[in-house]
Amino acid sequence: MGTRRVKNTAPTAFLILMRKCIETICLDKSAVGNSLPKKIEDLGERGVIPQTLSAMATIIKNLGNIGAHSEKIEIDYHDRQSIEDFFLAIVEYVYIAPAKLEKLKVSMSGKKESFI
């Protein structure tokens, strides 16, 4: 991920890239809305992400906006790490966990008892 390379060397670029990643998820999941906040809201309303992850995505979007518009804000290493953690939680929920669940279902489908 390109964002990891810039997290420590270019904090402003990191914020902007994280925002772009949220936009990409919205596009991939066919979010509806004429603005990124509306698209994030749509993902929440459709159950693609729960409210907590919607709030995380909104924070990432807001910080990306701050970075893109040259507002003076200091984002220290711990804040950047939290932002990355938020993003990874969204990716885990939207992509990784469903894939793992499907893999487990396939694996368990041939077992004597149904665990699912």
PDB file of N, CA and C in Angstrom:
ATOM      1  N   MET A   1       0.850  -1.166   0.000  1.00  0.00           N
ATOM      2  CA  MET A   1       0.000   0.000   0.000  1.00  0.00           C
ATOM      3  C   MET A   1       0.899   1.233   0.000  1.00  0.00           C
ATOM      4  N   GLY A   2       0.651   2.154  -0.935  1.00  0.00           N
ATOM      5  CA  GLY A   2       1.446   3.356  -1.044  1.00  0.00           C
ATOM      6  C   GLY A   2       1.366   4.253   0.171  1.00  0.00           C
ATOM      7  N   THR A   3       0.263   4.178   0.891  1.00  0.00           N
ATOM      8  CA  THR A   3       0.092   5.040   2.054  1.00  0.00           C
ATOM      9  C   THR A   3       1.102   4.739   3.146  1.00  0.00           C
ATOM     10  N   ARG A   4       1.491   3.502   3.293  1.00  0.00           N
ATOM     11  CA  ARG A   4       2.449   3.154   4.350  1.00  0.00           C
ATOM     12  C   ARG A   4       3.812   3.786   4.105  1.00  0.00           C
ATOM     13  N   ARG A   5       4.173   3.930   2.840  1.00  0.00           N
ATOM     14  CA  ARG A   5       5.472   4.529   2.531  1.00  0.00           C
ATOM     15  C   ARG A   5       5.519   6.002   2.907  1.00  0.00           C
ATOM     16  N   VAL A   6       4.387   6.665   2.800  1.00  0.00           N
ATOM     17  CA  VAL A   6       4.391   8.106   3.055  1.00  0.00           C
ATOM     18  C   VAL A   6       3.926   8.477   4.458  1.00  0.00           C
ATOM     19  N   LYS A   7       3.444   7.504   5.214  1.00  0.00           N
ATOM     20  CA  LYS A   7       2.887   7.807   6.541  1.00  0.00           C
ATOM     21  C   LYS A   7       3.874   8.585   7.403  1.00  0.00           C
ATOM     22  N   ASN A   8       5.132   8.186   7.389  1.00  0.00           N
ATOM     23  CA  ASN A   8       6.128   8.831   8.243  1.00  0.00           C
ATOM     24  C   ASN A   8       6.865   9.972   7.562  1.00  0.00           C
ATOM     25  N   THR A   9       6.964   9.928   6.246  1.00  0.00           N
ATOM     26  CA  THR A   9       7.758  10.937   5.552  1.00  0.00           C
ATOM     27  C   THR A   9       6.943  12.112   5.023  1.00  0.00           C
ATOM     28  N   ALA A  10       5.661  11.883   4.755  1.00  0.00           N
ATOM     29  CA  ALA A  10       4.817  12.942   4.192  1.00  0.00           C
ATOM     30  C   ALA A  10       3.410  12.837   4.783  1.00  0.00           C
ATOM     31  N   PRO A  11       3.239  13.295   6.023  1.00  0.00           N
ATOM     32  CA  PRO A  11       1.950  13.142   6.705  1.00  0.00           C
ATOM     33  C   PRO A  11       0.755  13.720   5.947  1.00  0.00           C
ATOM     34  N   THR A  12       0.939  14.842   5.282  1.00  0.00           N
ATOM     35  CA  THR A  12      -0.166  15.437   4.530  1.00  0.00           C
ATOM     36  C   THR A  12      -0.570  14.535   3.371  1.00  0.00           C
ATOM     37  N   ALA A  13       0.403  14.025   2.650  1.00  0.00           N
ATOM     38  CA  ALA A  13       0.115  13.099   1.551  1.00  0.00           C
ATOM     39  C   ALA A  13      -0.566  11.838   2.077  1.00  0.00           C
ATOM     40  N   PHE A  14      -0.146  11.380   3.243  1.00  0.00           N
ATOM     41  CA  PHE A  14      -0.766  10.209   3.867  1.00  0.00           C
ATOM     42  C   PHE A  14      -2.258  10.450   4.089  1.00  0.00           C
ATOM     43  N   LEU A  15      -2.605  11.615   4.630  1.00  0.00           N
ATOM     44  CA  LEU A  15      -4.013  11.935   4.874  1.00  0.00           C
ATOM     45  C   LEU A  15      -4.818  11.930   3.576  1.00  0.00           C
ATOM     46  N   ILE A  16      -4.250  12.521   2.552  1.00  0.00           N
ATOM     47  CA  ILE A  16      -4.939  12.594   1.264  1.00  0.00           C
ATOM     48  C   ILE A  16      -5.104  11.201   0.661  1.00  0.00           C
ATOM     49  N   LEU A  17      -4.070  10.375   0.746  1.00  0.00           N
ATOM     50  CA  LEU A  17      -4.160   9.010   0.223  1.00  0.00           C
ATOM     51  C   LEU A  17      -5.178   8.171   0.985  1.00  0.00           C
ATOM     52  N   MET A  18      -5.247   8.350   2.288  1.00  0.00           N
ATOM     53  CA  MET A  18      -6.231   7.600   3.070  1.00  0.00           C
ATOM     54  C   MET A  18      -7.648   7.989   2.640  1.00  0.00           C
ATOM     55  N   ARG A  19      -7.856   9.277   2.406  1.00  0.00           N
ATOM     56  CA  ARG A  19      -9.162   9.746   1.927  1.00  0.00           C
ATOM     57  C   ARG A  19      -9.473   9.113   0.579  1.00  0.00           C
ATOM     58  N   LYS A  20      -8.484   9.076  -0.298  1.00  0.00           N
ATOM     59  CA  LYS A  20      -8.665   8.470  -1.622  1.00  0.00           C
ATOM     60  C   LYS A  20      -9.020   6.989  -1.496  1.00  0.00           C
ATOM     61  N   CYS A  21      -8.436   6.312  -0.539  1.00  0.00           N
ATOM     62  CA  CYS A  21      -8.758   4.896  -0.311  1.00  0.00           C
ATOM     63  C   CYS A  21     -10.216   4.728   0.102  1.00  0.00           C
ATOM     64  N   ILE A  22     -10.722   5.638   0.925  1.00  0.00           N
ATOM     65  CA  ILE A  22     -12.136   5.595   1.314  1.00  0.00           C
ATOM     66  C   ILE A  22     -13.013   5.810   0.079  1.00  0.00           C
ATOM     67  N   GLU A  23     -12.633   6.752  -0.771  1.00  0.00           N
ATOM     68  CA  GLU A  23     -13.374   6.978  -2.017  1.00  0.00           C
ATOM     69  C   GLU A  23     -13.390   5.725  -2.884  1.00  0.00           C
ATOM     70  N   THR A  24     -12.272   5.026  -2.933  1.00  0.00           N
ATOM     71  CA  THR A  24     -12.167   3.812  -3.740  1.00  0.00           C
ATOM     72  C   THR A  24     -13.097   2.721  -3.217  1.00  0.00           C
ATOM     73  N   ILE A  25     -13.176   2.575  -1.910  1.00  0.00           N
ATOM     74  CA  ILE A  25     -14.105   1.598  -1.331  1.00  0.00           C
ATOM     75  C   ILE A  25     -15.542   1.974  -1.690  1.00  0.00           C
ATOM     76  N   CYS A  26     -15.865   3.252  -1.589  1.00  0.00           N
ATOM     77  CA  CYS A  26     -17.210   3.704  -1.956  1.00  0.00           C
ATOM     78  C   CYS A  26     -17.518   3.359  -3.412  1.00  0.00           C
ATOM     79  N   LEU A  27     -16.580   3.590  -4.282  1.00  0.00           N
ATOM     80  CA  LEU A  27     -16.762   3.268  -5.697  1.00  0.00           C
ATOM     81  C   LEU A  27     -16.939   1.762  -5.879  1.00  0.00           C
ATOM     82  N   ASP A  28     -16.081   0.982  -5.251  1.00  0.00           N
ATOM     83  CA  ASP A  28     -16.132  -0.476  -5.385  1.00  0.00           C
ATOM     84  C   ASP A  28     -17.447  -1.052  -4.870  1.00  0.00           C
ATOM     85  N   LYS A  29     -17.988  -0.458  -3.835  1.00  0.00           N
ATOM     86  CA  LYS A  29     -19.230  -0.951  -3.229  1.00  0.00           C
ATOM     87  C   LYS A  29     -20.466  -0.203  -3.741  1.00  0.00           C
ATOM     88  N   SER A  30     -20.287   0.518  -4.850  1.00  0.00           N
ATOM     89  CA  SER A  30     -21.393   1.207  -5.533  1.00  0.00           C
ATOM     90  C   SER A  30     -22.182   2.134  -4.611  1.00  0.00           C
ATOM     91  N   ALA A  31     -21.455   2.890  -3.813  1.00  0.00           N
ATOM     92  CA  ALA A  31     -22.104   3.844  -2.912  1.00  0.00           C
ATOM     93  C   ALA A  31     -22.807   4.925  -3.722  1.00  0.00           C
ATOM     94  N   VAL A  32     -23.975   5.311  -3.244  1.00  0.00           N
ATOM     95  CA  VAL A  32     -24.793   6.305  -3.930  1.00  0.00           C
ATOM     96  C   VAL A  32     -24.696   7.630  -3.180  1.00  0.00           C
ATOM     97  N   GLY A  33     -24.568   8.704  -3.941  1.00  0.00           N
ATOM     98  CA  GLY A  33     -24.515  10.035  -3.352  1.00  0.00           C
ATOM     99  C   GLY A  33     -23.697  10.955  -4.225  1.00  0.00           C
ATOM    100  N   ASN A  34     -23.947  12.255  -4.103  1.00  0.00           N
ATOM    101  CA  ASN A  34     -23.223  13.219  -4.934  1.00  0.00           C
ATOM    102  C   ASN A  34     -22.005  13.805  -4.229  1.00  0.00           C
ATOM    103  N   SER A  35     -21.693  13.279  -3.053  1.00  0.00           N
ATOM    104  CA  SER A  35     -20.504  13.722  -2.325  1.00  0.00           C
ATOM    105  C   SER A  35     -19.977  12.537  -1.517  1.00  0.00           C
ATOM    106  N   LEU A  36     -18.745  12.619  -1.114  1.00  0.00           N
ATOM    107  CA  LEU A  36     -18.169  11.528  -0.330  1.00  0.00           C
ATOM    108  C   LEU A  36     -18.908  11.320   0.989  1.00  0.00           C
ATOM    109  N   PRO A  37     -19.292  12.368   1.716  1.00  0.00           N
ATOM    110  CA  PRO A  37     -20.064  12.124   2.942  1.00  0.00           C
ATOM    111  C   PRO A  37     -21.362  11.354   2.684  1.00  0.00           C
ATOM    112  N   LYS A  38     -22.044  11.681   1.591  1.00  0.00           N
ATOM    113  CA  LYS A  38     -23.287  10.980   1.249  1.00  0.00           C
ATOM    114  C   LYS A  38     -23.004   9.522   0.883  1.00  0.00           C
ATOM    115  N   LYS A  39     -21.893   9.284   0.221  1.00  0.00           N
ATOM    116  CA  LYS A  39     -21.534   7.909  -0.149  1.00  0.00           C
ATOM    117  C   LYS A  39     -21.190   7.084   1.090  1.00  0.00           C
ATOM    118  N   ILE A  40     -20.473   7.677   2.017  1.00  0.00           N
ATOM    119  CA  ILE A  40     -20.159   6.985   3.275  1.00  0.00           C
ATOM    120  C   ILE A  40     -21.456   6.684   4.026  1.00  0.00           C
ATOM    121  N   GLU A  41     -22.342   7.655   4.070  1.00  0.00           N
ATOM    122  CA  GLU A  41     -23.643   7.470   4.720  1.00  0.00           C
ATOM    123  C   GLU A  41     -24.420   6.332   4.054  1.00  0.00           C
ATOM    124  N   ASP A  42     -24.376   6.277   2.725  1.00  0.00           N
ATOM    125  CA  ASP A  42     -25.066   5.220   1.985  1.00  0.00           C
ATOM    126  C   ASP A  42     -24.520   3.841   2.354  1.00  0.00           C
ATOM    127  N   LEU A  43     -23.207   3.729   2.474  1.00  0.00           N
ATOM    128  CA  LEU A  43     -22.621   2.442   2.871  1.00  0.00           C
ATOM    129  C   LEU A  43     -23.155   2.004   4.227  1.00  0.00           C
ATOM    130  N   GLY A  44     -23.298   2.950   5.134  1.00  0.00           N
ATOM    131  CA  GLY A  44     -23.838   2.636   6.451  1.00  0.00           C
ATOM    132  C   GLY A  44     -25.301   2.240   6.393  1.00  0.00           C
ATOM    133  N   GLU A  45     -26.076   2.982   5.625  1.00  0.00           N
ATOM    134  CA  GLU A  45     -27.509   2.702   5.523  1.00  0.00           C
ATOM    135  C   GLU A  45     -27.784   1.349   4.879  1.00  0.00           C
ATOM    136  N   ARG A  46     -26.936   0.946   3.944  1.00  0.00           N
ATOM    137  CA  ARG A  46     -27.122  -0.345   3.274  1.00  0.00           C
ATOM    138  C   ARG A  46     -26.491  -1.507   4.042  1.00  0.00           C
ATOM    139  N   GLY A  47     -25.837  -1.204   5.160  1.00  0.00           N
ATOM    140  CA  GLY A  47     -25.240  -2.260   5.966  1.00  0.00           C
ATOM    141  C   GLY A  47     -23.906  -2.764   5.456  1.00  0.00           C
ATOM    142  N   VAL A  48     -23.322  -2.047   4.500  1.00  0.00           N
ATOM    143  CA  VAL A  48     -21.993  -2.428   4.020  1.00  0.00           C
ATOM    144  C   VAL A  48     -20.977  -2.230   5.138  1.00  0.00           C
ATOM    145  N   ILE A  49     -21.167  -1.160   5.911  1.00  0.00           N
ATOM    146  CA  ILE A  49     -20.352  -0.906   7.099  1.00  0.00           C
ATOM    147  C   ILE A  49     -21.280  -0.492   8.239  1.00  0.00           C
ATOM    148  N   PRO A  50     -20.928  -0.847   9.478  1.00  0.00           N
ATOM    149  CA  PRO A  50     -21.731  -0.404  10.620  1.00  0.00           C
ATOM    150  C   PRO A  50     -21.424   1.055  10.972  1.00  0.00           C
ATOM    151  N   GLN A  51     -22.208   1.608  11.875  1.00  0.00           N
ATOM    152  CA  GLN A  51     -22.093   3.018  12.256  1.00  0.00           C
ATOM    153  C   GLN A  51     -20.686   3.389  12.716  1.00  0.00           C
ATOM    154  N   THR A  52     -20.059   2.549  13.512  1.00  0.00           N
ATOM    155  CA  THR A  52     -18.712   2.865  14.007  1.00  0.00           C
ATOM    156  C   THR A  52     -17.728   3.024  12.853  1.00  0.00           C
ATOM    157  N   LEU A  53     -17.803   2.129  11.871  1.00  0.00           N
ATOM    158  CA  LEU A  53     -16.898   2.235  10.726  1.00  0.00           C
ATOM    159  C   LEU A  53     -17.265   3.415   9.838  1.00  0.00           C
ATOM    160  N   SER A  54     -18.532   3.746   9.774  1.00  0.00           N
ATOM    161  CA  SER A  54     -18.949   4.936   9.035  1.00  0.00           C
ATOM    162  C   SER A  54     -18.341   6.186   9.671  1.00  0.00           C
ATOM    163  N   ALA A  55     -18.351   6.235  10.997  1.00  0.00           N
ATOM    164  CA  ALA A  55     -17.735   7.365  11.709  1.00  0.00           C
ATOM    165  C   ALA A  55     -16.233   7.407  11.449  1.00  0.00           C
ATOM    166  N   MET A  56     -15.593   6.243  11.430  1.00  0.00           N
ATOM    167  CA  MET A  56     -14.157   6.184  11.135  1.00  0.00           C
ATOM    168  C   MET A  56     -13.882   6.702   9.726  1.00  0.00           C
ATOM    169  N   ALA A  57     -14.683   6.266   8.763  1.00  0.00           N
ATOM    170  CA  ALA A  57     -14.501   6.710   7.379  1.00  0.00           C
ATOM    171  C   ALA A  57     -14.692   8.218   7.265  1.00  0.00           C
ATOM    172  N   THR A  58     -15.639   8.754   8.004  1.00  0.00           N
ATOM    173  CA  THR A  58     -15.879  10.200   7.985  1.00  0.00           C
ATOM    174  C   THR A  58     -14.690  10.960   8.560  1.00  0.00           C
ATOM    175  N   ILE A  59     -14.109  10.452   9.626  1.00  0.00           N
ATOM    176  CA  ILE A  59     -12.912  11.088  10.200  1.00  0.00           C
ATOM    177  C   ILE A  59     -11.778  11.089   9.181  1.00  0.00           C
ATOM    178  N   ILE A  60     -11.565   9.953   8.524  1.00  0.00           N
ATOM    179  CA  ILE A  60     -10.509   9.869   7.508  1.00  0.00           C
ATOM    180  C   ILE A  60     -10.787  10.866   6.388  1.00  0.00           C
ATOM    181  N   LYS A  61     -12.033  10.942   5.951  1.00  0.00           N
ATOM    182  CA  LYS A  61     -12.408  11.886   4.895  1.00  0.00           C
ATOM    183  C   LYS A  61     -12.134  13.320   5.330  1.00  0.00           C
ATOM    184  N   ASN A  62     -12.535  13.669   6.544  1.00  0.00           N
ATOM    185  CA  ASN A  62     -12.334  15.036   7.041  1.00  0.00           C
ATOM    186  C   ASN A  62     -10.855  15.388   7.147  1.00  0.00           C
ATOM    187  N   LEU A  63     -10.051  14.474   7.655  1.00  0.00           N
ATOM    188  CA  LEU A  63      -8.612  14.739   7.765  1.00  0.00           C
ATOM    189  C   LEU A  63      -7.968  14.835   6.389  1.00  0.00           C
ATOM    190  N   GLY A  64      -8.437  14.025   5.441  1.00  0.00           N
ATOM    191  CA  GLY A  64      -7.942  14.131   4.067  1.00  0.00           C
ATOM    192  C   GLY A  64      -8.266  15.483   3.460  1.00  0.00           C
ATOM    193  N   ASN A  65      -9.456  15.987   3.753  1.00  0.00           N
ATOM    194  CA  ASN A  65      -9.829  17.326   3.276  1.00  0.00           C
ATOM    195  C   ASN A  65      -8.904  18.383   3.858  1.00  0.00           C
ATOM    196  N   ILE A  66      -8.623  18.268   5.149  1.00  0.00           N
ATOM    197  CA  ILE A  66      -7.721  19.219   5.798  1.00  0.00           C
ATOM    198  C   ILE A  66      -6.357  19.181   5.120  1.00  0.00           C
ATOM    199  N   GLY A  67      -5.849  17.973   4.876  1.00  0.00           N
ATOM    200  CA  GLY A  67      -4.555  17.834   4.211  1.00  0.00           C
ATOM    201  C   GLY A  67      -4.563  18.413   2.806  1.00  0.00           C
ATOM    202  N   ALA A  68      -5.649  18.202   2.080  1.00  0.00           N
ATOM    203  CA  ALA A  68      -5.726  18.657   0.693  1.00  0.00           C
ATOM    204  C   ALA A  68      -5.848  20.165   0.572  1.00  0.00           C
ATOM    205  N   HIS A  69      -6.368  20.804   1.590  1.00  0.00           N
ATOM    206  CA  HIS A  69      -6.611  22.240   1.499  1.00  0.00           C
ATOM    207  C   HIS A  69      -5.637  23.076   2.320  1.00  0.00           C
ATOM    208  N   SER A  70      -4.516  22.495   2.641  1.00  0.00           N
ATOM    209  CA  SER A  70      -3.394  23.191   3.275  1.00  0.00           C
ATOM    210  C   SER A  70      -3.731  23.860   4.594  1.00  0.00           C
ATOM    211  N   GLU A  71      -4.711  23.359   5.287  1.00  0.00           N
ATOM    212  CA  GLU A  71      -4.978  23.900   6.611  1.00  0.00           C
ATOM    213  C   GLU A  71      -3.870  23.431   7.545  1.00  0.00           C
ATOM    214  N   LYS A  72      -3.465  24.288   8.416  1.00  0.00           N
ATOM    215  CA  LYS A  72      -2.379  23.958   9.335  1.00  0.00           C
ATOM    216  C   LYS A  72      -2.899  23.057  10.451  1.00  0.00           C
ATOM    217  N   ILE A  73      -2.456  21.837  10.432  1.00  0.00           N
ATOM    218  CA  ILE A  73      -2.803  20.893  11.488  1.00  0.00           C
ATOM    219  C   ILE A  73      -1.637  19.921  11.627  1.00  0.00           C
ATOM    220  N   GLU A  74      -1.293  19.630  12.841  1.00  0.00           N
ATOM    221  CA  GLU A  74      -0.192  18.705  13.112  1.00  0.00           C
ATOM    222  C   GLU A  74      -0.776  17.329  13.410  1.00  0.00           C
ATOM    223  N   ILE A  75      -0.467  16.379  12.566  1.00  0.00           N
ATOM    224  CA  ILE A  75      -0.907  15.000  12.766  1.00  0.00           C
ATOM    225  C   ILE A  75       0.319  14.206  13.191  1.00  0.00           C
ATOM    226  N   ASP A  76       0.386  13.879  14.478  1.00  0.00           N
ATOM    227  CA  ASP A  76       1.570  13.167  14.965  1.00  0.00           C
ATOM    228  C   ASP A  76       1.509  11.687  14.588  1.00  0.00           C
ATOM    229  N   TYR A  77       2.588  10.983  14.880  1.00  0.00           N
ATOM    230  CA  TYR A  77       2.704   9.578  14.497  1.00  0.00           C
ATOM    231  C   TYR A  77       1.552   8.752  15.049  1.00  0.00           C
ATOM    232  N   HIS A  78       1.181   8.955  16.295  1.00  0.00           N
ATOM    233  CA  HIS A  78       0.117   8.157  16.911  1.00  0.00           C
ATOM    234  C   HIS A  78      -1.231   8.416  16.236  1.00  0.00           C
ATOM    235  N   ASP A  79      -1.478   9.665  15.862  1.00  0.00           N
ATOM    236  CA  ASP A  79      -2.707   9.981  15.127  1.00  0.00           C
ATOM    237  C   ASP A  79      -2.705   9.297  13.762  1.00  0.00           C
ATOM    238  N   ARG A  80      -1.569   9.344  13.079  1.00  0.00           N
ATOM    239  CA  ARG A  80      -1.471   8.691  11.770  1.00  0.00           C
ATOM    240  C   ARG A  80      -1.667   7.187  11.911  1.00  0.00           C
ATOM    241  N   GLN A  81      -1.130   6.612  12.974  1.00  0.00           N
ATOM    242  CA  GLN A  81      -1.308   5.177  13.202  1.00  0.00           C
ATOM    243  C   GLN A  81      -2.778   4.856  13.455  1.00  0.00           C
ATOM    244  N   SER A  82      -3.457   5.702  14.214  1.00  0.00           N
ATOM    245  CA  SER A  82      -4.891   5.496  14.455  1.00  0.00           C
ATOM    246  C   SER A  82      -5.685   5.569  13.156  1.00  0.00           C
ATOM    247  N   ILE A  83      -5.341   6.516  12.316  1.00  0.00           N
ATOM    248  CA  ILE A  83      -6.015   6.655  11.025  1.00  0.00           C
ATOM    249  C   ILE A  83      -5.808   5.397  10.188  1.00  0.00           C
ATOM    250  N   GLU A  84      -4.573   4.907  10.147  1.00  0.00           N
ATOM    251  CA  GLU A  84      -4.298   3.675   9.404  1.00  0.00           C
ATOM    252  C   GLU A  84      -5.064   2.499  10.011  1.00  0.00           C
ATOM    253  N   ASP A  85      -5.103   2.418  11.326  1.00  0.00           N
ATOM    254  CA  ASP A  85      -5.851   1.350  11.999  1.00  0.00           C
ATOM    255  C   ASP A  85      -7.337   1.423  11.655  1.00  0.00           C
ATOM    256  N   PHE A  86      -7.894   2.638  11.635  1.00  0.00           N
ATOM    257  CA  PHE A  86      -9.297   2.810  11.254  1.00  0.00           C
ATOM    258  C   PHE A  86      -9.524   2.265   9.846  1.00  0.00           C
ATOM    259  N   PHE A  87      -8.650   2.664   8.930  1.00  0.00           N
ATOM    260  CA  PHE A  87      -8.806   2.218   7.550  1.00  0.00           C
ATOM    261  C   PHE A  87      -8.705   0.700   7.450  1.00  0.00           C
ATOM    262  N   LEU A  88      -7.740   0.119   8.128  1.00  0.00           N
ATOM    263  CA  LEU A  88      -7.580  -1.337   8.081  1.00  0.00           C
ATOM    264  C   LEU A  88      -8.787  -2.052   8.685  1.00  0.00           C
ATOM    265  N   ALA A  89      -9.408  -1.461   9.693  1.00  0.00           N
ATOM    266  CA  ALA A  89     -10.628  -2.046  10.267  1.00  0.00           C
ATOM    267  C   ALA A  89     -11.752  -2.047   9.231  1.00  0.00           C
ATOM    268  N   ILE A  90     -11.847  -0.987   8.463  1.00  0.00           N
ATOM    269  CA  ILE A  90     -12.861  -0.917   7.409  1.00  0.00           C
ATOM    270  C   ILE A  90     -12.597  -1.990   6.358  1.00  0.00           C
ATOM    271  N   VAL A  91     -11.350  -2.108   5.933  1.00  0.00           N
ATOM    272  CA  VAL A  91     -10.983  -3.124   4.939  1.00  0.00           C
ATOM    273  C   VAL A  91     -11.262  -4.526   5.471  1.00  0.00           C
ATOM    274  N   GLU A  92     -10.926  -4.763   6.724  1.00  0.00           N
ATOM    275  CA  GLU A  92     -11.187  -6.073   7.343  1.00  0.00           C
ATOM    276  C   GLU A  92     -12.681  -6.394   7.290  1.00  0.00           C
ATOM    277  N   TYR A  93     -13.506  -5.444   7.660  1.00  0.00           N
ATOM    278  CA  TYR A  93     -14.953  -5.670   7.719  1.00  0.00           C
ATOM    279  C   TYR A  93     -15.561  -5.849   6.327  1.00  0.00           C
ATOM    280  N   VAL A  94     -15.145  -5.011   5.387  1.00  0.00           N
ATOM    281  CA  VAL A  94     -15.767  -4.994   4.064  1.00  0.00           C
ATOM    282  C   VAL A  94     -15.271  -6.127   3.171  1.00  0.00           C
ATOM    283  N   TYR A  95     -13.979  -6.454   3.257  1.00  0.00           N
ATOM    284  CA  TYR A  95     -13.399  -7.407   2.312  1.00  0.00           C
ATOM    285  C   TYR A  95     -12.877  -8.700   2.954  1.00  0.00           C
ATOM    286  N   ILE A  96     -12.066  -8.564   3.969  1.00  0.00           N
ATOM    287  CA  ILE A  96     -11.348  -9.727   4.495  1.00  0.00           C
ATOM    288  C   ILE A  96     -12.266 -10.670   5.263  1.00  0.00           C
ATOM    289  N   ALA A  97     -13.039 -10.154   6.209  1.00  0.00           N
ATOM    290  CA  ALA A  97     -13.910 -11.022   7.013  1.00  0.00           C
ATOM    291  C   ALA A  97     -14.920 -11.783   6.148  1.00  0.00           C
ATOM    292  N   PRO A  98     -15.596 -11.139   5.189  1.00  0.00           N
ATOM    293  CA  PRO A  98     -16.521 -11.908   4.343  1.00  0.00           C
ATOM    294  C   PRO A  98     -15.819 -13.012   3.543  1.00  0.00           C
ATOM    295  N   ALA A  99     -14.621 -12.729   3.059  1.00  0.00           N
ATOM    296  CA  ALA A  99     -13.879 -13.748   2.307  1.00  0.00           C
ATOM    297  C   ALA A  99     -13.491 -14.916   3.211  1.00  0.00           C
ATOM    298  N   LYS A 100     -13.058 -14.611   4.427  1.00  0.00           N
ATOM    299  CA  LYS A 100     -12.715 -15.674   5.377  1.00  0.00           C
ATOM    300  C   LYS A 100     -13.944 -16.499   5.741  1.00  0.00           C
ATOM    301  N   LEU A 101     -15.077 -15.844   5.913  1.00  0.00           N
ATOM    302  CA  LEU A 101     -16.313 -16.546   6.243  1.00  0.00           C
ATOM    303  C   LEU A 101     -16.708 -17.501   5.120  1.00  0.00           C
ATOM    304  N   GLU A 102     -16.639 -17.035   3.884  1.00  0.00           N
ATOM    305  CA  GLU A 102     -16.969 -17.897   2.748  1.00  0.00           C
ATOM    306  C   GLU A 102     -16.028 -19.091   2.662  1.00  0.00           C
ATOM    307  N   LYS A 103     -14.757 -18.843   2.884  1.00  0.00           N
ATOM    308  CA  LYS A 103     -13.774 -19.927   2.851  1.00  0.00           C
ATOM    309  C   LYS A 103     -14.091 -20.965   3.926  1.00  0.00           C
ATOM    310  N   LEU A 104     -14.438 -20.513   5.112  1.00  0.00           N
ATOM    311  CA  LEU A 104     -14.782 -21.428   6.194  1.00  0.00           C
ATOM    312  C   LEU A 104     -16.059 -22.199   5.864  1.00  0.00           C
ATOM    313  N   LYS A 105     -17.049 -21.520   5.298  1.00  0.00           N
ATOM    314  CA  LYS A 105     -18.289 -22.199   4.916  1.00  0.00           C
ATOM    315  C   LYS A 105     -18.014 -23.319   3.916  1.00  0.00           C
ATOM    316  N   VAL A 106     -17.179 -23.037   2.935  1.00  0.00           N
ATOM    317  CA  VAL A 106     -16.828 -24.053   1.941  1.00  0.00           C
ATOM    318  C   VAL A 106     -16.114 -25.212   2.618  1.00  0.00           C
ATOM    319  N   SER A 107     -15.187 -24.892   3.485  1.00  0.00           N
ATOM    320  CA  SER A 107     -14.435 -25.928   4.197  1.00  0.00           C
ATOM    321  C   SER A 107     -15.350 -26.784   5.062  1.00  0.00           C
ATOM    322  N   MET A 108     -16.309 -26.154   5.718  1.00  0.00           N
ATOM    323  CA  MET A 108     -17.192 -26.868   6.637  1.00  0.00           C
ATOM    324  C   MET A 108     -18.345 -27.581   5.927  1.00  0.00           C
ATOM    325  N   SER A 109     -18.618 -27.236   4.694  1.00  0.00           N
ATOM    326  CA  SER A 109     -19.777 -27.808   4.000  1.00  0.00           C
ATOM    327  C   SER A 109     -19.671 -29.315   3.814  1.00  0.00           C
ATOM    328  N   GLY A 110     -18.478 -29.838   3.775  1.00  0.00           N
ATOM    329  CA  GLY A 110     -18.301 -31.275   3.604  1.00  0.00           C
ATOM    330  C   GLY A 110     -18.239 -32.043   4.906  1.00  0.00           C
ATOM    331  N   LYS A 111     -18.331 -31.365   6.013  1.00  0.00           N
ATOM    332  CA  LYS A 111     -18.245 -32.017   7.325  1.00  0.00           C
ATOM    333  C   LYS A 111     -19.564 -32.702   7.664  1.00  0.00           C
ATOM    334  N   LYS A 112     -19.508 -33.656   8.580  1.00  0.00           N
ATOM    335  CA  LYS A 112     -20.683 -34.436   8.970  1.00  0.00           C
ATOM    336  C   LYS A 112     -21.772 -33.550   9.573  1.00  0.00           C
ATOM    337  N   GLU A 113     -21.402 -32.676  10.478  1.00  0.00           N
ATOM    338  CA  GLU A 113     -22.363 -31.783  11.121  1.00  0.00           C
ATOM    339  C   GLU A 113     -22.263 -30.392  10.508  1.00  0.00           C
ATOM    340  N   SER A 114     -23.362 -29.710  10.492  1.00  0.00           N
ATOM    341  CA  SER A 114     -23.355 -28.339  10.009  1.00  0.00           C
ATOM    342  C   SER A 114     -23.054 -27.405  11.172  1.00  0.00           C
ATOM    343  N   PHE A 115     -22.012 -26.625  11.029  1.00  0.00           N
ATOM    344  CA  PHE A 115     -21.618 -25.665  12.062  1.00  0.00           C
ATOM    345  C   PHE A 115     -22.090 -24.267  11.710  1.00  0.00           C
ATOM    346  N   ILE A 116     -22.711 -24.131  10.572  1.00  0.00           N
ATOM    347  CA  ILE A 116     -23.051 -22.805  10.066  1.00  0.00           C
ATOM    348  C   ILE A 116     -24.552 -22.610  10.051  1.00  0.00           C
TER     349      ILE A 116
END
